[in-house]
N, C-alpha and C. Protein backbone atom coordinates (compact mmCIF):
# COMPACT_ATOMS: atom_id res chain seq x y z
N UNK A 1 49.61 18.39 -10.23
CA UNK A 1 48.91 18.54 -8.96
C UNK A 1 47.55 19.42 -9.52
N UNK A 2 47.62 20.48 -9.34
CA UNK A 2 45.95 20.75 -9.53
C UNK A 2 45.43 20.29 -11.01
N UNK A 3 45.24 19.30 -11.55
CA UNK A 3 44.64 19.13 -12.94
C UNK A 3 43.62 17.59 -11.65
N UNK A 4 44.98 17.07 -10.62
CA UNK A 4 44.04 16.18 -10.03
C UNK A 4 43.24 16.18 -8.47
N UNK A 5 43.60 17.52 -8.33
CA UNK A 5 42.44 18.24 -7.41
C UNK A 5 41.58 18.37 -7.64
N UNK A 6 41.45 18.49 -9.68
CA UNK A 6 39.73 19.06 -9.62
C UNK A 6 39.13 17.35 -10.01
N UNK A 7 40.20 16.45 -10.45
CA UNK A 7 39.28 15.58 -11.10
C UNK A 7 38.92 14.74 -9.86
N UNK A 8 39.20 14.50 -9.13
CA UNK A 8 38.76 13.49 -7.67
C UNK A 8 37.53 14.18 -7.17
N UNK A 9 37.30 15.28 -6.70
CA UNK A 9 35.86 15.85 -6.78
C UNK A 9 35.03 15.16 -7.19
N UNK A 10 34.82 15.40 -8.44
CA UNK A 10 34.27 14.49 -9.71
C UNK A 10 33.69 13.47 -10.14
N UNK A 11 34.97 13.18 -9.82
CA UNK A 11 35.20 10.90 -9.43
C UNK A 11 34.74 10.42 -8.12
N UNK A 12 34.57 11.33 -6.73
CA UNK A 12 33.56 11.52 -5.81
C UNK A 12 32.51 11.39 -5.97
N UNK A 13 32.04 12.14 -6.79
CA UNK A 13 30.99 12.63 -6.85
C UNK A 13 30.19 11.74 -7.77
N UNK A 14 31.00 11.09 -8.95
CA UNK A 14 30.11 10.50 -9.99
C UNK A 14 29.65 8.78 -9.00
N UNK A 15 30.73 8.28 -8.57
CA UNK A 15 30.23 7.59 -7.42
C UNK A 15 29.61 7.29 -6.56
N UNK A 16 29.40 8.43 -5.91
CA UNK A 16 28.18 9.00 -5.35
C UNK A 16 26.33 8.69 -5.80
N UNK A 17 26.97 9.25 -6.99
CA UNK A 17 25.56 9.44 -7.54
C UNK A 17 24.69 7.84 -8.45
N UNK A 18 26.40 7.04 -8.19
CA UNK A 18 25.88 5.83 -8.89
C UNK A 18 25.67 5.29 -7.97
N UNK A 19 26.35 4.80 -6.40
CA UNK A 19 25.95 3.58 -5.60
C UNK A 19 24.46 4.63 -5.12
N UNK A 20 24.09 5.71 -4.97
CA UNK A 20 22.96 5.92 -4.23
C UNK A 20 21.34 5.66 -5.38
N UNK A 21 22.36 5.75 -7.09
CA UNK A 21 21.28 5.76 -8.31
C UNK A 21 20.45 4.19 -7.77
N UNK A 22 21.77 2.99 -7.35
CA UNK A 22 21.70 1.41 -7.68
C UNK A 22 20.86 1.09 -6.59
N UNK A 23 20.36 2.27 -5.40
CA UNK A 23 19.56 1.90 -4.01
C UNK A 23 18.11 1.69 -4.20
N UNK A 24 17.69 1.92 -5.62
CA UNK A 24 16.22 2.33 -5.37
C UNK A 24 16.32 0.88 -6.48
N UNK A 25 15.15 -0.63 -5.89
CA UNK A 25 15.15 -1.48 -6.62
C UNK A 25 13.52 -1.98 -6.92
N UNK A 26 13.09 -2.49 -7.77
CA UNK A 26 11.70 -2.65 -7.93
C UNK A 26 10.96 -3.70 -7.73
N UNK A 27 9.93 -3.95 -6.17
CA UNK A 27 9.55 -4.72 -5.39
C UNK A 27 8.14 -5.70 -6.40
N UNK A 28 8.06 -6.88 -7.14
CA UNK A 28 7.22 -7.81 -7.45
C UNK A 28 6.31 -8.60 -6.32
N UNK A 29 4.78 -7.20 -6.61
CA UNK A 29 3.94 -7.79 -5.05
C UNK A 29 2.95 -9.60 -5.79
N UNK A 30 3.34 -10.36 -4.70
CA UNK A 30 3.08 -11.53 -4.76
C UNK A 30 1.96 -11.75 -4.70
N UNK A 31 1.63 -12.85 -5.22
CA UNK A 31 -0.07 -13.68 -5.18
C UNK A 31 -0.81 -13.63 -3.76
N UNK A 32 -0.54 -14.63 -2.75
CA UNK A 32 -0.87 -13.95 -1.17
C UNK A 32 -0.76 -12.53 -0.62
N UNK A 33 -2.04 -12.40 -1.04
CA UNK A 33 -2.12 -10.55 -0.41
C UNK A 33 -3.41 -10.94 -0.36
N UNK A 34 -4.11 -9.99 1.18
CA UNK A 34 -5.50 -9.82 1.67
C UNK A 34 -5.41 -8.72 2.21
N UNK A 35 -6.84 -8.33 1.20
CA UNK A 35 -7.00 -6.92 2.02
C UNK A 35 -8.47 -6.72 2.55
N UNK A 36 -8.80 -5.98 4.00
CA UNK A 36 -9.90 -6.99 4.40
C UNK A 36 -10.73 -5.50 5.29
N UNK A 37 -12.22 -5.37 4.53
CA UNK A 37 -12.41 -4.21 5.03
C UNK A 37 -13.57 -4.44 5.92
N UNK A 38 -13.80 -4.17 7.34
CA UNK A 38 -14.47 -4.23 8.13
C UNK A 38 -15.48 -3.07 8.54
N UNK A 39 -17.07 -3.45 8.93
CA UNK A 39 -17.78 -2.30 8.90
C UNK A 39 -18.66 -2.80 10.14
N UNK A 40 -19.85 -1.92 10.42
CA UNK A 40 -20.84 -2.23 11.13
C UNK A 40 -22.04 -1.84 10.09
N UNK A 41 -22.78 -2.51 11.10
CA UNK A 41 -24.52 -1.88 10.52
C UNK A 41 -25.33 -1.80 11.71
N UNK A 42 -26.15 -2.05 11.35
CA UNK A 42 -28.34 -1.96 12.62
C UNK A 42 -28.24 -3.52 12.60
N UNK A 43 -27.86 -4.26 12.39
CA UNK A 43 -28.23 -5.85 12.36
C UNK A 43 -26.79 -6.46 12.96
N UNK A 44 -25.42 -6.18 12.45
CA UNK A 44 -24.52 -7.12 12.29
C UNK A 44 -23.27 -6.20 11.72
N UNK A 45 -22.15 -7.41 11.85
CA UNK A 45 -20.97 -6.92 12.08
C UNK A 45 -20.92 -7.50 10.93
N UNK A 46 -19.93 -6.90 9.37
CA UNK A 46 -19.67 -7.20 7.95
C UNK A 46 -18.42 -7.03 7.55
N UNK A 47 -17.78 -8.01 6.86
CA UNK A 47 -16.37 -8.26 6.35
C UNK A 47 -16.23 -8.46 4.79
N UNK A 48 -15.64 -7.68 4.10
CA UNK A 48 -15.58 -7.39 2.45
C UNK A 48 -13.88 -8.11 2.52
N UNK A 49 -13.75 -9.17 1.52
CA UNK A 49 -12.70 -9.26 1.77
C UNK A 49 -11.43 -9.04 -0.08
N UNK A 50 -10.20 -8.45 0.06
CA UNK A 50 -9.99 -8.72 -1.54
C UNK A 50 -8.28 -9.45 -1.48
N UNK A 51 -8.54 -10.44 -2.48
CA UNK A 51 -7.05 -10.59 -2.32
C UNK A 51 -6.25 -10.03 -4.01
N UNK A 52 -6.87 -8.98 -4.19
CA UNK A 52 -5.68 -8.59 -5.33
C UNK A 52 -5.53 -7.09 -5.48
N UNK A 53 -4.41 -7.23 -5.71
CA UNK A 53 -4.07 -6.06 -5.33
C UNK A 53 -2.82 -5.97 -6.68
N UNK A 54 -2.65 -4.15 -8.25
CA UNK A 54 -1.74 -4.60 -9.02
C UNK A 54 -1.06 -3.56 -8.75
N UNK A 55 0.13 -3.52 -9.44
CA UNK A 55 1.36 -2.03 -9.82
C UNK A 55 2.60 -2.25 -9.58
N UNK A 56 3.47 -0.92 -9.13
CA UNK A 56 4.55 -1.13 -9.32
C UNK A 56 4.83 -0.74 -7.76
N UNK A 57 5.94 -0.74 -6.73
CA UNK A 57 6.60 -0.48 -5.74
C UNK A 57 8.17 -0.21 -6.05
N UNK A 58 8.84 0.02 -5.59
CA UNK A 58 9.89 -0.02 -5.66
C UNK A 58 10.54 0.62 -4.02
N UNK A 59 12.09 0.19 -3.74
CA UNK A 59 11.91 0.23 -2.16
C UNK A 59 13.05 0.81 -1.38
N UNK A 60 14.02 1.67 -1.87
CA UNK A 60 15.30 2.20 -0.95
C UNK A 60 15.92 0.99 -0.06
N UNK A 61 17.05 -0.07 -0.63
CA UNK A 61 17.43 -0.91 -0.18
C UNK A 61 18.80 -0.45 1.15
N UNK A 62 19.01 1.20 1.18
CA UNK A 62 19.82 1.35 1.93
C UNK A 62 19.46 1.31 3.51
N UNK A 63 17.99 2.63 2.92
CA UNK A 63 17.25 3.12 4.20
C UNK A 63 16.22 2.01 4.81
N UNK A 64 15.56 1.10 3.61
CA UNK A 64 14.48 0.23 4.04
C UNK A 64 13.15 0.48 3.88
N UNK A 65 13.70 2.00 3.42
CA UNK A 65 12.05 2.55 2.72
C UNK A 65 11.15 2.68 1.36
N UNK A 66 10.25 2.60 1.07
CA UNK A 66 9.56 2.65 -0.10
C UNK A 66 9.58 4.04 -0.69
N UNK A 67 10.24 3.73 -1.64
CA UNK A 67 10.03 5.10 -3.31
C UNK A 67 9.06 5.75 -3.83
N UNK A 68 8.67 4.42 -3.68
CA UNK A 68 7.09 4.59 -5.02
C UNK A 68 6.61 3.97 -4.88
N UNK A 69 5.31 3.78 -5.16
CA UNK A 69 4.17 2.92 -4.92
C UNK A 69 2.97 3.50 -5.42
N UNK A 70 2.87 2.85 -6.32
CA UNK A 70 1.56 2.79 -7.32
C UNK A 70 1.00 1.74 -7.59
N UNK A 71 -0.26 1.61 -6.71
CA UNK A 71 -1.38 0.54 -6.82
C UNK A 71 -2.40 0.26 -6.66
N UNK A 72 -3.75 -0.36 -6.84
CA UNK A 72 -5.05 -0.09 -7.56
C UNK A 72 -5.04 -1.46 -6.98
N UNK A 73 -7.00 -1.64 -6.10
CA UNK A 73 -7.37 -2.47 -6.05
C UNK A 73 -8.87 -2.67 -7.22
N UNK A 74 -9.25 -3.37 -7.80
CA UNK A 74 -10.32 -3.74 -8.96
C UNK A 74 -11.64 -3.24 -7.38
N UNK A 75 -12.23 -3.46 -7.59
CA UNK A 75 -13.82 -3.04 -7.38
C UNK A 75 -14.17 -3.82 -6.64
N UNK A 76 -14.24 -5.11 -8.11
CA UNK A 76 -15.50 -5.84 -8.58
C UNK A 76 -14.14 -7.35 -7.65
N UNK A 77 -13.11 -6.60 -7.57
CA UNK A 77 -12.40 -8.05 -6.45
C UNK A 77 -13.09 -8.16 -5.38
N UNK A 78 -13.60 -7.07 -4.95
CA UNK A 78 -13.83 -7.27 -3.16
C UNK A 78 -14.87 -7.85 -3.47
N UNK A 79 -15.36 -8.72 -1.73
CA UNK A 79 -16.78 -9.46 -2.17
C UNK A 79 -16.84 -10.03 -0.55
N UNK A 80 -17.85 -10.05 -0.38
CA UNK A 80 -18.75 -10.67 1.12
C UNK A 80 -18.68 -12.12 0.92
N UNK A 81 -20.08 -11.82 2.09
CA UNK A 81 -20.58 -13.14 2.42
C UNK A 81 -21.75 -13.48 1.22
N UNK A 82 -22.48 -11.90 1.37
CA UNK A 82 -23.69 -12.01 0.26
C UNK A 82 -23.81 -11.21 -0.77
N UNK A 83 -24.21 -12.14 -1.69
CA UNK A 83 -23.56 -11.13 -3.30
C UNK A 83 -24.72 -9.95 -3.23
N UNK A 84 -25.99 -10.10 -1.92
CA UNK A 84 -26.53 -8.96 -3.03
C UNK A 84 -26.09 -7.37 -1.97
N UNK A 85 -25.58 -7.75 -1.22
CA UNK A 85 -24.20 -7.03 -0.50
C UNK A 85 -23.58 -6.25 -1.45
N UNK A 86 -22.68 -7.19 -2.26
CA UNK A 86 -21.84 -6.72 -3.22
C UNK A 86 -22.53 -5.99 -3.76
N UNK A 87 -23.41 -6.09 -4.22
CA UNK A 87 -24.40 -5.24 -5.26
C UNK A 87 -24.13 -3.69 -4.96
N UNK A 88 -25.05 -3.99 -3.65
CA UNK A 88 -25.35 -2.51 -3.07
C UNK A 88 -23.65 -1.82 -2.96
N UNK A 89 -22.40 -2.29 -2.88
CA UNK A 89 -21.10 -2.13 -2.02
C UNK A 89 -20.94 -1.83 -3.49
N UNK A 90 -21.03 -2.38 -4.49
CA UNK A 90 -19.91 -2.46 -6.16
C UNK A 90 -21.07 -0.24 -6.63
N UNK A 91 -22.61 -0.49 -5.69
CA UNK A 91 -23.01 0.49 -6.28
C UNK A 91 -23.16 1.71 -6.24
N UNK A 92 -22.25 1.73 -4.69
CA UNK A 92 -22.00 2.90 -3.43
C UNK A 92 -20.84 3.40 -3.61
N UNK A 93 -19.51 2.44 -4.51
CA UNK A 93 -18.38 3.29 -4.10
C UNK A 93 -19.20 3.51 -6.14
N UNK A 94 -19.68 3.17 -6.74
CA UNK A 94 -19.59 3.49 -8.15
C UNK A 94 -18.67 3.24 -9.48
N UNK A 95 -18.86 1.56 -8.68
CA UNK A 95 -17.73 0.80 -9.98
C UNK A 95 -18.25 0.96 -10.87
N UNK A 96 -18.84 1.47 -11.96
CA UNK A 96 -19.12 1.08 -12.80
C UNK A 96 -17.88 2.17 -13.56
N UNK A 97 -18.04 3.50 -13.64
CA UNK A 97 -17.89 4.44 -13.29
C UNK A 97 -15.42 4.46 -13.32
N UNK A 98 -15.93 4.47 -11.70
CA UNK A 98 -14.25 4.23 -11.47
C UNK A 98 -14.33 2.72 -11.02
N UNK A 99 -13.88 2.18 -11.98
CA UNK A 99 -13.24 0.90 -11.63
C UNK A 99 -12.20 0.03 -10.35
N UNK A 100 -11.57 0.75 -9.99
CA UNK A 100 -10.46 1.06 -9.34
C UNK A 100 -10.19 1.67 -8.22
N UNK A 101 -9.68 1.27 -7.06
CA UNK A 101 -9.36 1.70 -5.84
C UNK A 101 -7.71 2.10 -5.88
N UNK A 102 -7.11 3.42 -5.86
CA UNK A 102 -5.85 4.02 -6.17
C UNK A 102 -5.26 3.81 -4.87
N UNK A 103 -3.61 3.81 -4.53
CA UNK A 103 -2.84 4.23 -3.87
C UNK A 103 -1.42 4.51 -4.63
N UNK A 104 -1.18 5.90 -4.23
CA UNK A 104 -0.12 6.38 -4.72
C UNK A 104 0.92 7.25 -3.24
N UNK A 105 2.13 7.21 -3.52
CA UNK A 105 3.11 7.18 -2.14
C UNK A 105 3.38 8.89 -1.84
N UNK A 106 3.70 9.24 -1.64
CA UNK A 106 4.53 11.37 -2.09
C UNK A 106 5.51 10.54 -0.91
N UNK A 107 5.76 10.52 -0.09
CA UNK A 107 7.01 9.54 0.47
C UNK A 107 6.89 9.07 1.82
N UNK A 108 7.64 8.78 2.36
CA UNK A 108 7.39 7.33 3.33
C UNK A 108 8.81 7.88 4.62
N UNK A 109 8.87 7.52 5.65
CA UNK A 109 9.04 7.73 7.10
C UNK A 109 9.34 6.91 7.77
N UNK A 110 10.98 6.35 8.23
CA UNK A 110 11.10 5.61 8.70
C UNK A 110 10.97 5.68 10.55
N UNK A 111 9.81 5.59 11.07
CA UNK A 111 9.43 5.57 12.04
C UNK A 111 10.12 5.31 13.60
N UNK A 112 10.85 3.92 13.26
CA UNK A 112 11.55 3.68 14.36
C UNK A 112 13.36 4.16 13.91
N UNK A 113 14.04 2.44 14.62
CA UNK A 113 15.39 2.74 15.17
C UNK A 113 16.14 2.29 13.83
N UNK A 114 15.34 1.22 13.65
CA UNK A 114 16.03 -0.03 11.94
C UNK A 114 15.85 0.67 10.77
N UNK A 115 16.76 0.90 9.82
CA UNK A 115 16.52 1.08 8.40
C UNK A 115 17.21 0.44 8.35
N UNK A 116 17.37 -0.35 7.69
CA UNK A 116 18.36 -1.69 6.98
C UNK A 116 17.07 -2.67 6.88
N UNK A 117 17.75 -2.82 5.26
CA UNK A 117 16.49 -3.03 4.14
C UNK A 117 17.29 -5.19 4.49
N UNK A 118 18.07 -5.98 5.69
CA UNK A 118 18.18 -6.39 5.91
C UNK A 118 17.00 -7.06 7.73
N UNK A 119 16.02 -5.71 8.28
CA UNK A 119 15.70 -5.72 9.58
C UNK A 119 14.11 -5.57 9.54
N UNK A 120 13.42 -6.04 10.78
CA UNK A 120 11.87 -5.08 10.56
C UNK A 120 11.79 -3.73 10.47
N UNK A 121 11.50 -3.10 10.24
CA UNK A 121 10.80 -1.66 9.91
C UNK A 121 9.19 -1.89 10.46
N UNK A 122 9.35 0.12 10.74
CA UNK A 122 8.09 0.39 10.93
C UNK A 122 8.18 2.10 10.19
N UNK A 123 6.51 1.83 9.58
CA UNK A 123 7.30 2.75 7.90
C UNK A 123 5.76 3.85 7.92
N UNK A 124 5.94 4.75 7.80
CA UNK A 124 4.69 6.11 8.02
C UNK A 124 4.42 6.23 6.59
N UNK A 125 3.51 6.13 5.69
CA UNK A 125 3.49 5.88 4.34
C UNK A 125 2.81 7.38 4.48
N UNK A 126 3.21 8.29 3.37
CA UNK A 126 1.80 9.11 3.67
C UNK A 126 1.52 9.24 1.34
N UNK A 127 0.16 9.80 1.09
CA UNK A 127 -0.45 9.67 -0.21
C UNK A 127 -1.60 9.82 -0.38
N UNK A 128 -1.73 9.93 -1.51
CA UNK A 128 -3.13 10.50 -1.52
C UNK A 128 -3.98 8.30 -1.91
N UNK A 129 -4.97 8.57 -1.43
CA UNK A 129 -5.83 7.75 -1.62
C UNK A 129 -7.51 8.30 -2.98
N UNK A 130 -7.58 6.80 -3.79
CA UNK A 130 -8.57 7.88 -4.30
C UNK A 130 -9.32 5.99 -3.95
N UNK A 131 -10.79 6.71 -4.01
CA UNK A 131 -11.63 5.68 -3.83
C UNK A 131 -13.01 6.64 -4.87
N UNK A 132 -13.99 5.85 -5.43
CA UNK A 132 -15.29 6.01 -5.97
C UNK A 132 -14.73 8.07 -6.74
N UNK A 133 -13.34 8.04 -7.41
CA UNK A 133 -12.95 9.35 -7.89
C UNK A 133 -12.81 10.58 -7.30
N UNK A 134 -12.39 10.17 -5.94
CA UNK A 134 -12.14 11.54 -5.00
C UNK A 134 -11.54 10.73 -4.56
N UNK A 135 -10.25 12.27 -4.15
CA UNK A 135 -8.75 11.62 -3.62
C UNK A 135 -8.69 12.78 -2.70
N UNK A 136 -8.12 11.37 -1.54
CA UNK A 136 -7.79 12.39 0.03
C UNK A 136 -6.52 11.94 0.24
N UNK A 137 -5.69 13.00 0.59
CA UNK A 137 -4.25 12.75 0.99
C UNK A 137 -4.31 11.85 3.00
N UNK A 138 -3.66 10.75 2.92
CA UNK A 138 -4.09 10.68 4.42
C UNK A 138 -2.19 9.44 4.75
N UNK A 139 -2.03 9.27 5.72
CA UNK A 139 -0.99 8.67 6.17
C UNK A 139 -1.42 7.63 7.36
N UNK A 140 -0.34 6.46 6.46
CA UNK A 140 -0.86 5.00 6.91
C UNK A 140 0.61 4.65 7.02
N UNK A 141 0.85 4.60 8.77
CA UNK A 141 1.50 3.31 8.71
C UNK A 141 1.37 1.89 9.07
N UNK A 142 2.76 1.51 8.39
CA UNK A 142 2.82 -0.23 8.26
C UNK A 142 4.10 -0.70 9.57
N UNK A 143 4.06 -1.79 8.85
CA UNK A 143 4.94 -2.87 9.25
C UNK A 143 5.67 -3.42 8.34
N UNK A 144 6.95 -3.11 8.38
CA UNK A 144 7.67 -3.71 7.29
C UNK A 144 8.48 -5.13 7.59
N UNK A 145 8.36 -6.50 7.80
CA UNK A 145 9.42 -7.25 7.82
C UNK A 145 9.39 -8.41 6.83
N UNK A 146 10.71 -8.46 7.16
CA UNK A 146 12.23 -8.99 6.05
C UNK A 146 12.11 -10.94 6.75
N UNK A 147 11.15 -10.94 5.54
CA UNK A 147 11.72 -12.98 5.69
C UNK A 147 12.80 -13.64 5.52
N UNK A 148 13.24 -14.85 6.06
CA UNK A 148 14.43 -15.01 5.76
C UNK A 148 13.96 -16.41 4.56
N UNK A 149 12.55 -16.23 3.64
CA UNK A 149 12.80 -16.04 2.24
C UNK A 149 12.75 -15.28 1.15
N UNK A 150 13.68 -13.97 1.55
CA UNK A 150 13.44 -12.76 0.28
C UNK A 150 12.09 -12.55 0.52
N UNK A 151 10.79 -12.74 1.26
CA UNK A 151 9.58 -12.18 1.63
C UNK A 151 9.74 -10.68 1.98
N UNK A 152 9.24 -9.65 1.26
CA UNK A 152 8.95 -8.47 2.56
C UNK A 152 7.04 -8.69 2.57
N UNK A 153 7.09 -8.62 3.99
CA UNK A 153 5.82 -9.10 4.44
C UNK A 153 5.42 -7.57 4.90
N UNK A 154 4.36 -6.37 4.51
CA UNK A 154 4.04 -5.38 4.23
C UNK A 154 2.17 -5.46 5.15
N UNK A 155 2.36 -5.26 6.59
CA UNK A 155 0.61 -5.21 7.14
C UNK A 155 0.35 -3.65 7.71
N UNK A 156 -0.52 -3.43 7.69
CA UNK A 156 -0.82 -2.01 7.40
C UNK A 156 -2.46 -1.76 8.37
N UNK A 157 -3.48 -1.34 9.11
CA UNK A 157 -4.29 -0.80 9.00
C UNK A 157 -4.36 0.55 9.21
N UNK A 158 -6.32 1.06 8.69
CA UNK A 158 -6.28 2.56 7.94
C UNK A 158 -8.19 2.67 8.63
N UNK A 159 -8.50 3.55 9.72
CA UNK A 159 -9.78 3.89 9.45
C UNK A 159 -9.78 4.77 9.08
N UNK A 160 -11.31 4.65 8.03
CA UNK A 160 -11.94 5.50 6.64
C UNK A 160 -12.93 6.17 6.90
N UNK A 161 -13.40 7.09 6.41
CA UNK A 161 -15.25 6.92 6.90
C UNK A 161 -15.44 7.78 4.91
N UNK A 162 -16.92 6.71 4.55
CA UNK A 162 -17.33 6.35 3.50
C UNK A 162 -17.88 7.98 3.12
N UNK A 163 -18.09 8.88 3.89
CA UNK A 163 -18.66 10.04 3.31
C UNK A 163 -17.05 10.91 3.18
N UNK A 164 -15.72 10.81 3.47
CA UNK A 164 -15.42 11.36 2.81
C UNK A 164 -15.00 10.97 1.95
N UNK A 165 -15.39 10.00 1.34
CA UNK A 165 -14.99 10.21 -0.17
C UNK A 165 -16.23 10.41 -1.54
N UNK A 166 -17.08 11.06 -0.80
CA UNK A 166 -18.93 11.30 -1.05
C UNK A 166 -19.30 9.87 -1.36
N UNK A 167 -19.13 8.70 -0.44
CA UNK A 167 -20.41 7.63 -0.40
C UNK A 167 -20.83 8.10 0.64
N UNK A 168 -22.10 7.53 0.27
CA UNK A 168 -23.14 7.28 1.54
C UNK A 168 -23.01 5.93 1.68
N UNK A 169 -23.14 6.42 3.12
CA UNK A 169 -23.20 4.04 3.16
C UNK A 169 -24.29 3.37 2.97
N UNK A 170 -24.04 2.34 2.19
CA UNK A 170 -25.05 1.65 1.59
C UNK A 170 -26.36 1.45 2.81
N UNK A 171 -27.58 0.82 2.33
CA UNK A 171 -28.77 0.49 3.12
C UNK A 171 -29.22 -0.69 2.16
N UNK A 172 -30.24 -1.46 3.49
CA UNK A 172 -30.36 -2.60 2.33
C UNK A 172 -31.63 -2.96 3.52
N UNK A 173 -32.24 -4.02 2.96
CA UNK A 173 -33.31 -4.69 3.24
C UNK A 173 -34.67 -3.12 3.12
N UNK A 174 -34.72 -2.58 1.72
CA UNK A 174 -35.75 -1.28 1.88
C UNK A 174 -35.28 0.12 2.95
N UNK A 175 -33.92 0.16 3.20
CA UNK A 175 -33.72 0.91 4.21
C UNK A 175 -33.72 0.22 5.76
N UNK A 176 -34.00 -0.78 6.10
CA UNK A 176 -34.21 -1.48 7.31
C UNK A 176 -32.54 -1.58 7.74
N UNK A 177 -32.26 -1.57 7.01
CA UNK A 177 -30.63 -1.96 7.72
C UNK A 177 -29.64 -1.14 6.81
N UNK A 178 -28.80 -0.25 7.84
CA UNK A 178 -27.71 0.22 7.70
C UNK A 178 -26.52 0.31 8.22
N UNK A 179 -25.93 0.81 7.00
CA UNK A 179 -24.94 0.36 7.37
C UNK A 179 -23.95 1.59 8.21
N UNK A 180 -22.58 1.51 9.22
CA UNK A 180 -21.80 2.94 9.54
C UNK A 180 -21.46 3.73 8.57
N UNK A 181 -20.83 4.99 8.96
CA UNK A 181 -19.53 5.77 8.39
C UNK A 181 -18.44 4.91 8.59
N UNK A 182 -18.70 4.24 9.62
CA UNK A 182 -16.44 4.01 9.39
C UNK A 182 -16.53 3.14 8.90
N UNK A 183 -14.75 2.75 8.25
CA UNK A 183 -15.40 1.28 7.40
C UNK A 183 -13.31 1.51 8.24
N UNK A 184 -13.00 0.13 8.60
CA UNK A 184 -11.80 -0.42 8.60
C UNK A 184 -10.93 -1.49 7.75
N UNK A 185 -10.20 -0.64 7.19
CA UNK A 185 -8.78 -1.44 6.41
C UNK A 185 -8.10 -1.86 7.14
N UNK A 186 -7.68 -3.49 6.41
CA UNK A 186 -6.65 -4.14 7.24
C UNK A 186 -5.87 -4.52 6.08
N UNK A 187 -4.55 -4.77 6.02
CA UNK A 187 -4.23 -5.43 4.60
C UNK A 187 -2.71 -5.91 5.15
N UNK A 188 -2.40 -7.16 4.09
CA UNK A 188 -1.35 -7.64 4.06
C UNK A 188 -0.58 -8.10 3.40
N UNK A 189 0.27 -7.85 2.78
CA UNK A 189 1.38 -7.86 1.08
C UNK A 189 1.93 -9.32 1.28
N UNK A 190 3.08 -8.78 0.13
CA UNK A 190 3.80 -10.03 0.09
C UNK A 190 4.38 -9.72 -1.07
N UNK A 191 5.52 -8.84 -0.83
CA UNK A 191 6.63 -7.84 -1.77
C UNK A 191 7.78 -9.41 -1.96
N UNK A 192 8.49 -8.75 -2.93
CA UNK A 192 9.61 -9.53 -3.92
C UNK A 192 10.54 -8.87 -4.52
N UNK A 193 12.03 -8.63 -3.89
CA UNK A 193 12.81 -8.35 -5.00
C UNK A 193 13.31 -8.94 -6.88
N UNK A 194 12.20 -7.50 -7.85
CA UNK A 194 11.92 -9.02 -9.00
C UNK A 194 13.54 -8.83 -9.26
N UNK A 195 14.66 -8.07 -9.37
CA UNK A 195 15.45 -7.63 -9.97
C UNK A 195 16.66 -8.49 -8.76
N UNK A 196 16.17 -9.39 -8.36
CA UNK A 196 17.05 -10.21 -6.99
C UNK A 196 18.49 -9.50 -6.53
N UNK A 197 18.12 -8.26 -6.34
CA UNK A 197 19.00 -7.75 -5.55
C UNK A 197 19.66 -7.12 -4.18
N UNK A 198 18.55 -7.63 -3.79
CA UNK A 198 18.49 -7.51 -2.53
C UNK A 198 18.48 -9.81 -1.84
N UNK A 199 19.56 -9.38 -0.77
CA UNK A 199 20.22 -10.90 -0.49
C UNK A 199 19.02 -11.39 0.78
N UNK A 200 18.75 -11.87 0.94
CA UNK A 200 17.46 -12.87 2.09
C UNK A 200 18.75 -12.34 3.56
N UNK A 201 18.32 -12.32 5.07
CA UNK A 201 18.62 -11.65 5.90
C UNK A 201 19.65 -12.66 6.43
N UNK A 202 19.86 -13.95 5.68
CA UNK A 202 20.16 -15.12 6.12
C UNK A 202 21.74 -15.32 5.61
N UNK A 203 21.34 -14.69 3.82
CA UNK A 203 22.85 -14.78 3.29
C UNK A 203 23.96 -14.19 4.24
């Protein structure tokens, strides 16, 4: 009986560790992604877009929250309707030296009542955003939508100031056209369990 009492807690602990370790799954980034940057200028508002997001993401399937995010957006994947504006933007972002915009997650908190992998949820992400070689800690609210086809859609918005990242707002036409300091970033990213361990809500 004494030996059993000693062994039982070890078995319970081992099972707990195994179950907990098994809840983190890698998610593959799907091709259908949109990252939009919107800003203002003395002439008109402008919009730039990228469809490229690379990196690695993991999610806790029990809590429905992210446990790891390491993603990049290649600076030269961002385009506007004007090639001259693109060139000015790349110069302002120091694209030749710093080729990527990077986000690394510290932690994510579920801010809603739902915390299931099978249900939609609202998360507050905290991590570092690196632009033009300068790193800033940011809070990023996102909406996580679990679709019936197994795709997880992540949607978020964030306003940023160029000067926080050491960027001088670009000017055009010999300084006649000046861009505003604030940029509104909106993104929609599709994710899917790359190990096929997360069943769709209809299963």
